[in-house]
Amino acid sequence: MSAPTAPPKPKIPAYVLWGAGSAGMVVGTIFGIAALSAKSTFDDHPTYSQADKVHNYTIASDVGLGAGLVLLLGGTMFYFMDDKDDAPAPQAKHKSNPVAQVAFEPILSQQTRGGSFTLKF
């Protein structure tokens, strides 16, 4: 008879990140289309306010697409990440003494400033 296996871990964080990433991509795409429309209006009638509108839409598009991409990649990492918390960590059988010891002691006084460096094997 085989040992019972643990049920698979829920992938809810991955699904949440994928949803937020998809929303970011949609928002970035919408602002990108609005930026292209505002750019064509700016090309026909260039004004400072229209240039600001194009600039603001392109920044919003870049942020939405960038954040969406990062969230989608994060969700993918969470989806494929293997949970190693179930297995106990291997324990050392005995403790060993350190091979070398390094020490630094500062020396501060009114006249001198320096330090002492010690290396023991």
N, C-alpha and C. Protein backbone atom coordinates (compact mmCIF):
# COMPACT_ATOMS: atom_id res chain seq x y z
N MET A 1 0.84 -1.17 0.00
CA MET A 1 0.00 0.00 0.00
C MET A 1 0.89 1.24 0.00
N SER A 2 0.66 2.18 -0.89
CA SER A 2 1.50 3.37 -1.01
C SER A 2 1.05 4.44 -0.02
N ALA A 3 1.98 5.32 0.30
CA ALA A 3 1.69 6.40 1.23
C ALA A 3 0.75 7.40 0.57
N PRO A 4 -0.14 7.99 1.36
CA PRO A 4 -1.06 8.96 0.77
C PRO A 4 -0.30 10.20 0.31
N THR A 5 -0.68 10.71 -0.82
CA THR A 5 -0.04 11.92 -1.34
C THR A 5 -0.85 13.13 -0.93
N ALA A 6 -0.15 14.22 -0.75
CA ALA A 6 -0.82 15.47 -0.37
C ALA A 6 -1.58 16.01 -1.57
N PRO A 7 -2.72 16.64 -1.32
CA PRO A 7 -3.45 17.23 -2.45
C PRO A 7 -2.64 18.36 -3.05
N PRO A 8 -2.82 18.63 -4.33
CA PRO A 8 -2.04 19.70 -4.96
C PRO A 8 -2.39 21.05 -4.34
N LYS A 9 -1.39 21.90 -4.28
CA LYS A 9 -1.58 23.23 -3.72
C LYS A 9 -2.46 24.06 -4.65
N PRO A 10 -3.34 24.89 -4.08
CA PRO A 10 -4.17 25.73 -4.94
C PRO A 10 -3.33 26.75 -5.69
N LYS A 11 -3.75 27.06 -6.87
CA LYS A 11 -3.02 28.00 -7.74
C LYS A 11 -3.67 29.38 -7.74
N ILE A 12 -4.36 29.71 -6.66
CA ILE A 12 -5.10 30.97 -6.61
C ILE A 12 -4.20 32.19 -6.81
N PRO A 13 -3.00 32.27 -6.20
CA PRO A 13 -2.16 33.46 -6.46
C PRO A 13 -1.82 33.62 -7.94
N ALA A 14 -1.59 32.52 -8.62
CA ALA A 14 -1.29 32.61 -10.05
C ALA A 14 -2.49 33.16 -10.82
N TYR A 15 -3.67 32.68 -10.47
CA TYR A 15 -4.87 33.14 -11.18
C TYR A 15 -5.14 34.62 -10.90
N VAL A 16 -4.89 35.06 -9.67
CA VAL A 16 -5.09 36.47 -9.33
C VAL A 16 -4.10 37.34 -10.11
N LEU A 17 -2.84 36.92 -10.15
CA LEU A 17 -1.84 37.70 -10.90
C LEU A 17 -2.14 37.70 -12.39
N TRP A 18 -2.59 36.59 -12.91
CA TRP A 18 -2.96 36.56 -14.33
C TRP A 18 -4.13 37.50 -14.62
N GLY A 19 -5.11 37.54 -13.72
CA GLY A 19 -6.24 38.45 -13.91
C GLY A 19 -5.81 39.90 -13.86
N ALA A 20 -4.98 40.24 -12.87
CA ALA A 20 -4.51 41.62 -12.76
C ALA A 20 -3.60 41.97 -13.94
N GLY A 21 -2.79 41.03 -14.38
CA GLY A 21 -1.92 41.27 -15.53
C GLY A 21 -2.72 41.48 -16.81
N SER A 22 -3.75 40.68 -16.97
CA SER A 22 -4.62 40.85 -18.15
C SER A 22 -5.31 42.19 -18.12
N ALA A 23 -5.77 42.61 -16.94
CA ALA A 23 -6.40 43.92 -16.83
C ALA A 23 -5.40 45.03 -17.16
N GLY A 24 -4.17 44.89 -16.70
CA GLY A 24 -3.14 45.87 -17.02
C GLY A 24 -2.86 45.94 -18.51
N MET A 25 -2.84 44.78 -19.17
CA MET A 25 -2.61 44.76 -20.62
C MET A 25 -3.78 45.42 -21.36
N VAL A 26 -5.00 45.19 -20.89
CA VAL A 26 -6.18 45.81 -21.52
C VAL A 26 -6.13 47.32 -21.35
N VAL A 27 -5.83 47.78 -20.13
CA VAL A 27 -5.74 49.22 -19.88
C VAL A 27 -4.63 49.84 -20.72
N GLY A 28 -3.49 49.17 -20.80
CA GLY A 28 -2.39 49.67 -21.61
C GLY A 28 -2.76 49.75 -23.08
N THR A 29 -3.48 48.76 -23.56
CA THR A 29 -3.91 48.77 -24.97
C THR A 29 -4.90 49.89 -25.23
N ILE A 30 -5.85 50.09 -24.31
CA ILE A 30 -6.84 51.16 -24.50
C ILE A 30 -6.16 52.52 -24.52
N PHE A 31 -5.23 52.74 -23.58
CA PHE A 31 -4.52 54.03 -23.59
C PHE A 31 -3.60 54.15 -24.80
N GLY A 32 -3.07 53.06 -25.29
CA GLY A 32 -2.25 53.10 -26.50
C GLY A 32 -3.06 53.52 -27.72
N ILE A 33 -4.26 52.97 -27.83
CA ILE A 33 -5.15 53.37 -28.94
C ILE A 33 -5.55 54.83 -28.80
N ALA A 34 -5.85 55.26 -27.55
CA ALA A 34 -6.19 56.67 -27.33
C ALA A 34 -5.01 57.58 -27.65
N ALA A 35 -3.78 57.13 -27.36
CA ALA A 35 -2.59 57.93 -27.67
C ALA A 35 -2.42 58.07 -29.17
N LEU A 36 -2.66 56.99 -29.91
CA LEU A 36 -2.55 57.07 -31.37
C LEU A 36 -3.60 58.02 -31.95
N SER A 37 -4.81 57.98 -31.40
CA SER A 37 -5.87 58.89 -31.85
C SER A 37 -5.50 60.34 -31.52
N ALA A 38 -5.00 60.56 -30.31
CA ALA A 38 -4.62 61.92 -29.92
C ALA A 38 -3.43 62.40 -30.76
N LYS A 39 -2.54 61.50 -31.14
CA LYS A 39 -1.39 61.86 -31.98
C LYS A 39 -1.84 62.33 -33.35
N SER A 40 -2.83 61.64 -33.91
CA SER A 40 -3.31 62.08 -35.23
C SER A 40 -4.01 63.43 -35.13
N THR A 41 -4.71 63.68 -34.01
CA THR A 41 -5.33 64.99 -33.80
C THR A 41 -4.26 66.06 -33.62
N PHE A 42 -3.19 65.71 -32.91
CA PHE A 42 -2.08 66.65 -32.73
C PHE A 42 -1.41 66.97 -34.06
N ASP A 43 -1.27 65.96 -34.93
CA ASP A 43 -0.64 66.21 -36.23
C ASP A 43 -1.48 67.17 -37.08
N ASP A 44 -2.81 67.10 -36.92
CA ASP A 44 -3.69 68.00 -37.69
C ASP A 44 -3.70 69.41 -37.11
N HIS A 45 -3.79 69.52 -35.77
CA HIS A 45 -3.87 70.81 -35.10
C HIS A 45 -2.93 70.80 -33.90
N PRO A 46 -1.63 71.09 -34.09
CA PRO A 46 -0.68 71.01 -32.97
C PRO A 46 -0.89 72.13 -31.94
N THR A 47 -1.14 71.72 -30.71
CA THR A 47 -1.24 72.64 -29.58
C THR A 47 -0.49 72.02 -28.40
N TYR A 48 -0.18 72.87 -27.43
CA TYR A 48 0.51 72.34 -26.25
C TYR A 48 -0.38 71.39 -25.46
N SER A 49 -1.65 71.72 -25.34
CA SER A 49 -2.55 70.85 -24.58
C SER A 49 -2.71 69.49 -25.27
N GLN A 50 -2.75 69.50 -26.60
CA GLN A 50 -2.85 68.23 -27.33
C GLN A 50 -1.55 67.43 -27.18
N ALA A 51 -0.41 68.09 -27.17
CA ALA A 51 0.86 67.39 -26.97
C ALA A 51 0.92 66.78 -25.57
N ASP A 52 0.42 67.52 -24.57
CA ASP A 52 0.36 66.97 -23.22
C ASP A 52 -0.56 65.76 -23.14
N LYS A 53 -1.65 65.82 -23.86
CA LYS A 53 -2.59 64.69 -23.86
C LYS A 53 -1.94 63.45 -24.47
N VAL A 54 -1.22 63.64 -25.58
CA VAL A 54 -0.52 62.51 -26.22
C VAL A 54 0.52 61.95 -25.26
N HIS A 55 1.27 62.82 -24.62
CA HIS A 55 2.31 62.39 -23.68
C HIS A 55 1.70 61.60 -22.52
N ASN A 56 0.65 62.12 -21.93
CA ASN A 56 0.02 61.46 -20.78
C ASN A 56 -0.56 60.10 -21.18
N TYR A 57 -1.19 60.03 -22.35
CA TYR A 57 -1.75 58.74 -22.80
C TYR A 57 -0.65 57.71 -23.05
N THR A 58 0.46 58.17 -23.63
CA THR A 58 1.53 57.20 -23.90
C THR A 58 2.17 56.72 -22.60
N ILE A 59 2.31 57.59 -21.60
CA ILE A 59 2.84 57.17 -20.30
C ILE A 59 1.90 56.16 -19.67
N ALA A 60 0.60 56.43 -19.68
CA ALA A 60 -0.38 55.50 -19.10
C ALA A 60 -0.35 54.17 -19.84
N SER A 61 -0.19 54.21 -21.15
CA SER A 61 -0.11 52.98 -21.93
C SER A 61 1.14 52.18 -21.58
N ASP A 62 2.27 52.85 -21.48
CA ASP A 62 3.52 52.17 -21.12
C ASP A 62 3.44 51.54 -19.73
N VAL A 63 2.87 52.27 -18.78
CA VAL A 63 2.76 51.75 -17.41
C VAL A 63 1.81 50.55 -17.39
N GLY A 64 0.67 50.67 -18.06
CA GLY A 64 -0.29 49.56 -18.08
C GLY A 64 0.29 48.31 -18.72
N LEU A 65 0.96 48.49 -19.85
CA LEU A 65 1.53 47.33 -20.53
C LEU A 65 2.70 46.73 -19.74
N GLY A 66 3.53 47.59 -19.16
CA GLY A 66 4.66 47.10 -18.38
C GLY A 66 4.21 46.37 -17.12
N ALA A 67 3.28 46.97 -16.38
CA ALA A 67 2.78 46.32 -15.17
C ALA A 67 2.04 45.03 -15.52
N GLY A 68 1.27 45.05 -16.61
CA GLY A 68 0.57 43.85 -17.03
C GLY A 68 1.53 42.72 -17.37
N LEU A 69 2.60 43.05 -18.05
CA LEU A 69 3.59 42.03 -18.41
C LEU A 69 4.26 41.45 -17.17
N VAL A 70 4.63 42.32 -16.23
CA VAL A 70 5.27 41.85 -14.99
C VAL A 70 4.31 40.96 -14.20
N LEU A 71 3.05 41.35 -14.10
CA LEU A 71 2.07 40.55 -13.37
C LEU A 71 1.81 39.22 -14.06
N LEU A 72 1.75 39.21 -15.37
CA LEU A 72 1.56 37.95 -16.09
C LEU A 72 2.74 37.00 -15.88
N LEU A 73 3.95 37.54 -15.93
CA LEU A 73 5.13 36.71 -15.68
C LEU A 73 5.17 36.21 -14.24
N GLY A 74 4.79 37.07 -13.30
CA GLY A 74 4.72 36.65 -11.91
C GLY A 74 3.70 35.55 -11.69
N GLY A 75 2.54 35.67 -12.33
CA GLY A 75 1.53 34.62 -12.23
C GLY A 75 2.02 33.31 -12.82
N THR A 76 2.76 33.38 -13.91
CA THR A 76 3.31 32.17 -14.51
C THR A 76 4.34 31.53 -13.59
N MET A 77 5.14 32.36 -12.93
CA MET A 77 6.11 31.81 -11.98
C MET A 77 5.40 31.12 -10.82
N PHE A 78 4.35 31.74 -10.28
CA PHE A 78 3.61 31.12 -9.19
C PHE A 78 2.93 29.82 -9.64
N TYR A 79 2.48 29.78 -10.88
CA TYR A 79 1.79 28.59 -11.37
C TYR A 79 2.74 27.40 -11.45
N PHE A 80 3.94 27.63 -11.93
CA PHE A 80 4.88 26.53 -12.13
C PHE A 80 5.83 26.31 -10.95
N MET A 81 5.74 27.16 -9.93
CA MET A 81 6.63 27.03 -8.78
C MET A 81 6.24 25.79 -7.98
N ASP A 82 7.25 25.01 -7.62
CA ASP A 82 7.03 23.79 -6.85
C ASP A 82 7.17 24.13 -5.37
N ASP A 83 6.21 23.69 -4.57
CA ASP A 83 6.22 23.98 -3.15
C ASP A 83 7.10 22.97 -2.43
N LYS A 84 8.25 23.41 -1.93
CA LYS A 84 9.22 22.52 -1.28
C LYS A 84 9.06 22.51 0.24
N ASP A 85 8.03 23.14 0.79
CA ASP A 85 7.87 23.22 2.24
C ASP A 85 7.48 21.88 2.85
N ASP A 86 6.97 20.95 2.07
CA ASP A 86 6.49 19.68 2.60
C ASP A 86 7.64 18.78 3.05
N ALA A 87 8.75 18.81 2.37
CA ALA A 87 9.88 17.94 2.69
C ALA A 87 10.72 18.58 3.79
N PRO A 88 11.08 17.81 4.83
CA PRO A 88 11.93 18.39 5.87
C PRO A 88 13.33 18.66 5.34
N ALA A 89 13.93 19.69 5.88
CA ALA A 89 15.29 20.04 5.46
C ALA A 89 16.27 19.03 6.04
N PRO A 90 17.29 18.66 5.29
CA PRO A 90 18.27 17.71 5.82
C PRO A 90 19.02 18.32 7.00
N GLN A 91 19.22 17.53 8.03
CA GLN A 91 19.91 18.00 9.22
C GLN A 91 21.36 17.53 9.21
N ALA A 92 22.24 18.35 9.71
CA ALA A 92 23.65 17.96 9.81
C ALA A 92 23.79 16.96 10.95
N LYS A 93 24.61 15.95 10.75
CA LYS A 93 24.79 14.91 11.77
C LYS A 93 25.69 15.37 12.90
N HIS A 94 26.65 16.19 12.61
CA HIS A 94 27.54 16.70 13.64
C HIS A 94 27.95 18.12 13.29
N LYS A 95 28.32 18.84 14.30
CA LYS A 95 28.79 20.20 14.07
C LYS A 95 30.30 20.19 13.91
N SER A 96 30.78 20.95 12.98
CA SER A 96 32.22 21.04 12.77
C SER A 96 32.71 22.40 13.24
N ASN A 97 33.93 22.44 13.65
CA ASN A 97 34.53 23.70 14.05
C ASN A 97 34.87 24.51 12.82
N PRO A 98 34.78 25.83 12.92
CA PRO A 98 35.13 26.65 11.77
C PRO A 98 36.61 26.50 11.43
N VAL A 99 36.91 26.60 10.18
CA VAL A 99 38.28 26.46 9.71
C VAL A 99 39.09 27.70 10.02
N ALA A 100 38.49 28.88 9.84
CA ALA A 100 39.22 30.12 10.07
C ALA A 100 38.29 31.10 10.77
N GLN A 101 38.89 31.99 11.55
CA GLN A 101 38.15 33.04 12.21
C GLN A 101 38.77 34.38 11.83
N VAL A 102 37.93 35.33 11.52
CA VAL A 102 38.39 36.66 11.15
C VAL A 102 37.79 37.64 12.14
N ALA A 103 38.60 38.56 12.66
CA ALA A 103 38.12 39.56 13.60
C ALA A 103 38.72 40.92 13.24
N PHE A 104 37.91 41.95 13.40
CA PHE A 104 38.37 43.33 13.21
C PHE A 104 37.97 44.12 14.44
N GLU A 105 38.91 44.80 15.04
CA GLU A 105 38.64 45.60 16.23
C GLU A 105 39.07 47.03 15.96
N PRO A 106 38.12 47.95 15.96
CA PRO A 106 38.51 49.35 15.73
C PRO A 106 39.21 49.93 16.96
N ILE A 107 40.16 50.80 16.71
CA ILE A 107 40.89 51.48 17.77
C ILE A 107 40.66 52.97 17.56
N LEU A 108 39.97 53.59 18.53
CA LEU A 108 39.66 55.01 18.43
C LEU A 108 40.16 55.72 19.68
N SER A 109 40.88 56.78 19.50
CA SER A 109 41.32 57.61 20.62
C SER A 109 41.41 59.04 20.14
N GLN A 110 41.82 59.94 21.04
CA GLN A 110 41.94 61.35 20.68
C GLN A 110 43.03 61.56 19.62
N GLN A 111 44.13 60.79 19.73
CA GLN A 111 45.26 61.00 18.85
C GLN A 111 45.26 60.07 17.63
N THR A 112 44.77 58.87 17.75
CA THR A 112 44.87 57.90 16.66
C THR A 112 43.52 57.26 16.35
N ARG A 113 43.45 56.86 15.12
CA ARG A 113 42.29 56.10 14.65
C ARG A 113 42.84 54.98 13.79
N GLY A 114 42.35 53.79 14.00
CA GLY A 114 42.86 52.66 13.24
C GLY A 114 42.10 51.41 13.59
N GLY A 115 42.75 50.30 13.41
CA GLY A 115 42.08 49.05 13.71
C GLY A 115 43.06 47.90 13.77
N SER A 116 42.55 46.83 14.30
CA SER A 116 43.35 45.60 14.42
C SER A 116 42.63 44.50 13.65
N PHE A 117 43.32 43.87 12.75
CA PHE A 117 42.75 42.80 11.94
C PHE A 117 43.40 41.50 12.36
N THR A 118 42.60 40.50 12.77
CA THR A 118 43.13 39.24 13.25
C THR A 118 42.57 38.10 12.43
N LEU A 119 43.43 37.17 12.03
CA LEU A 119 43.03 35.99 11.28
C LEU A 119 43.60 34.77 12.00
N LYS A 120 42.70 33.86 12.45
CA LYS A 120 43.13 32.66 13.16
C LYS A 120 42.74 31.44 12.38
N PHE A 121 43.70 30.46 12.32
CA PHE A 121 43.42 29.20 11.65
C PHE A 121 43.27 28.10 12.66
